Protein backbone atom coordinates (compact mmCIF):
# COMPACT_ATOMS: atom_id res chain seq x y z
CA MET A 1 25.54 -20.75 30.71
CA SER A 2 22.19 -21.74 29.19
CA THR A 3 21.63 -24.29 26.52
CA ILE A 4 20.85 -23.13 22.91
CA GLN A 5 17.65 -24.82 21.91
CA SER A 6 16.48 -22.39 19.26
CA HIS A 7 17.98 -19.73 17.01
CA ARG A 8 16.07 -17.27 19.29
CA ASP A 9 18.55 -18.18 21.98
CA LEU A 10 21.55 -17.06 19.85
CA ILE A 11 23.02 -13.61 20.79
CA VAL A 12 24.12 -13.05 17.24
CA TRP A 13 20.56 -13.69 15.89
CA ASN A 14 19.20 -11.19 18.47
CA LYS A 15 21.80 -8.58 17.62
CA ALA A 16 21.15 -9.08 13.85
CA LEU A 17 17.43 -8.62 14.50
CA ASP A 18 18.01 -5.41 16.42
CA LEU A 19 20.24 -4.26 13.59
CA ALA A 20 17.40 -4.85 11.14
CA VAL A 21 14.96 -2.85 13.23
CA GLU A 22 17.61 -0.02 13.49
CA VAL A 23 18.06 -0.06 9.64
CA TYR A 24 14.26 -0.09 8.93
CA ALA A 25 13.97 2.99 11.16
CA LEU A 26 16.89 4.74 9.31
CA THR A 27 15.29 4.11 5.95
CA GLU A 28 12.10 5.83 7.04
CA ARG A 29 13.94 9.06 6.50
CA PHE A 30 14.76 8.26 2.89
CA PRO A 31 12.90 10.03 0.06
CA SER A 32 9.64 8.14 -1.00
CA LYS A 33 11.05 7.85 -4.53
CA GLU A 34 13.47 5.31 -3.11
CA GLN A 35 10.66 3.13 -1.74
CA TYR A 36 10.98 0.50 -4.54
CA ARG A 37 14.62 1.04 -5.19
CA LEU A 38 17.22 1.57 -2.37
CA ILE A 39 14.87 1.08 0.54
CA SER A 40 13.70 -2.22 -0.84
CA GLN A 41 17.27 -3.46 -1.36
CA ILE A 42 18.49 -2.42 2.02
CA THR A 43 15.65 -3.77 4.01
CA ARG A 44 15.75 -7.17 2.12
CA SER A 45 19.45 -7.53 2.72
CA VAL A 46 19.31 -6.62 6.43
CA ALA A 47 16.36 -8.83 7.10
CA SER A 48 18.28 -11.67 5.42
CA VAL A 49 21.02 -11.55 8.05
CA PRO A 50 18.89 -13.00 11.06
CA ALA A 51 16.83 -15.09 8.67
CA ASN A 52 19.93 -16.90 7.35
CA VAL A 53 21.25 -17.40 10.88
CA ALA A 54 17.88 -18.98 11.84
CA GLU A 55 17.68 -21.18 8.77
CA GLY A 56 21.34 -22.31 9.25
CA HIS A 57 20.59 -23.15 12.83
CA ALA A 58 17.76 -25.33 11.77
CA ARG A 59 19.89 -27.29 9.31
CA SER A 60 21.10 -30.81 10.10
CA THR A 61 24.84 -30.36 9.68
CA ARG A 62 27.48 -27.93 11.02
CA LYS A 63 28.75 -27.51 7.43
CA ASP A 64 25.26 -26.41 6.28
CA TYR A 65 24.92 -24.05 9.22
CA ALA A 66 28.24 -22.60 8.43
CA ASN A 67 27.19 -22.03 4.80
CA PHE A 68 24.12 -20.06 5.95
CA VAL A 69 26.26 -18.03 8.29
CA ALA A 70 28.50 -17.22 5.27
CA ILE A 71 25.40 -16.13 3.36
CA ALA A 72 24.36 -13.93 6.28
CA ARG A 73 27.78 -12.28 6.30
CA GLY A 74 27.31 -11.60 2.52
CA SER A 75 23.97 -9.95 3.18
CA LEU A 76 25.64 -7.84 5.98
CA ALA A 77 28.23 -6.58 3.41
CA GLU A 78 25.45 -5.89 0.99
CA THR A 79 23.65 -3.87 3.63
CA GLU A 80 26.72 -1.90 4.39
CA THR A 81 27.27 -1.15 0.73
CA PHE A 82 23.75 0.15 0.32
CA LEU A 83 23.89 2.32 3.48
CA LEU A 84 27.19 3.89 2.30
CA LEU A 85 25.56 4.49 -1.02
CA ALA A 86 22.64 6.18 0.76
CA GLN A 87 25.06 8.39 2.59
CA ARG A 88 26.76 9.37 -0.59
CA LEU A 89 23.31 10.24 -2.06
CA GLY A 90 22.54 12.39 0.92
CA TYR A 91 19.78 10.22 2.37
CA VAL A 92 21.37 9.70 5.67
CA GLU A 93 23.76 11.70 7.77
CA VAL A 94 27.04 10.52 9.19
CA ARG A 95 26.05 10.55 12.77
CA PRO A 96 23.05 8.11 12.67
CA LEU A 97 24.87 5.98 10.18
CA GLU A 98 27.93 5.62 12.47
CA SER A 99 25.71 3.84 15.07
CA VAL A 100 24.31 1.45 12.52
CA LEU A 101 27.78 0.77 11.01
CA ALA A 102 29.16 -0.04 14.44
CA ARG A 103 26.38 -2.50 15.20
CA LEU A 104 26.91 -3.94 11.60
CA ASP A 105 30.59 -4.43 12.37
CA GLU A 106 29.72 -6.16 15.70
CA VAL A 107 27.41 -8.57 14.08
CA GLY A 108 29.98 -9.25 11.33
CA ARG A 109 32.61 -10.15 13.78
CA MET A 110 30.17 -12.42 15.71
CA LEU A 111 29.15 -14.18 12.47
CA ALA A 112 32.87 -14.71 11.55
CA THR A 113 33.55 -16.29 14.97
CA LEU A 114 30.48 -18.42 14.78
CA ARG A 115 31.43 -19.64 11.25
CA LYS A 116 34.95 -20.52 12.40
CA ARG A 117 33.60 -22.48 15.34
CA LEU A 118 31.23 -24.39 13.21
CA LEU A 119 34.00 -25.44 10.89
CA GLY A 120 36.16 -26.49 13.76
CA GLY A 121 38.64 -23.55 13.63
């Protein structure tokens, strides 16, 4: 097992970054009228997930780190909500969304586990 020296060494950070790339690609299919509405909201919330993991990792205490992981989990829930709204609006089909939601769930479980470990649970 290798030593974690940077947030870039974290599997959860890499998976969250992969998720962000996948979500960005998915939003390219949305109508252009949503560029400054739903697309902007989705891409900001999904990019926030790995960003908060990175910021938390750079903090000096485990408690601070755990707080940023909690914020990342909130951004993940926000992303899921926006994606489900996009589906209801007919901007994304079920099949491509299922893949993204599965990855989103995986990252969510990983963040929950990381937070629990940081808090000594």
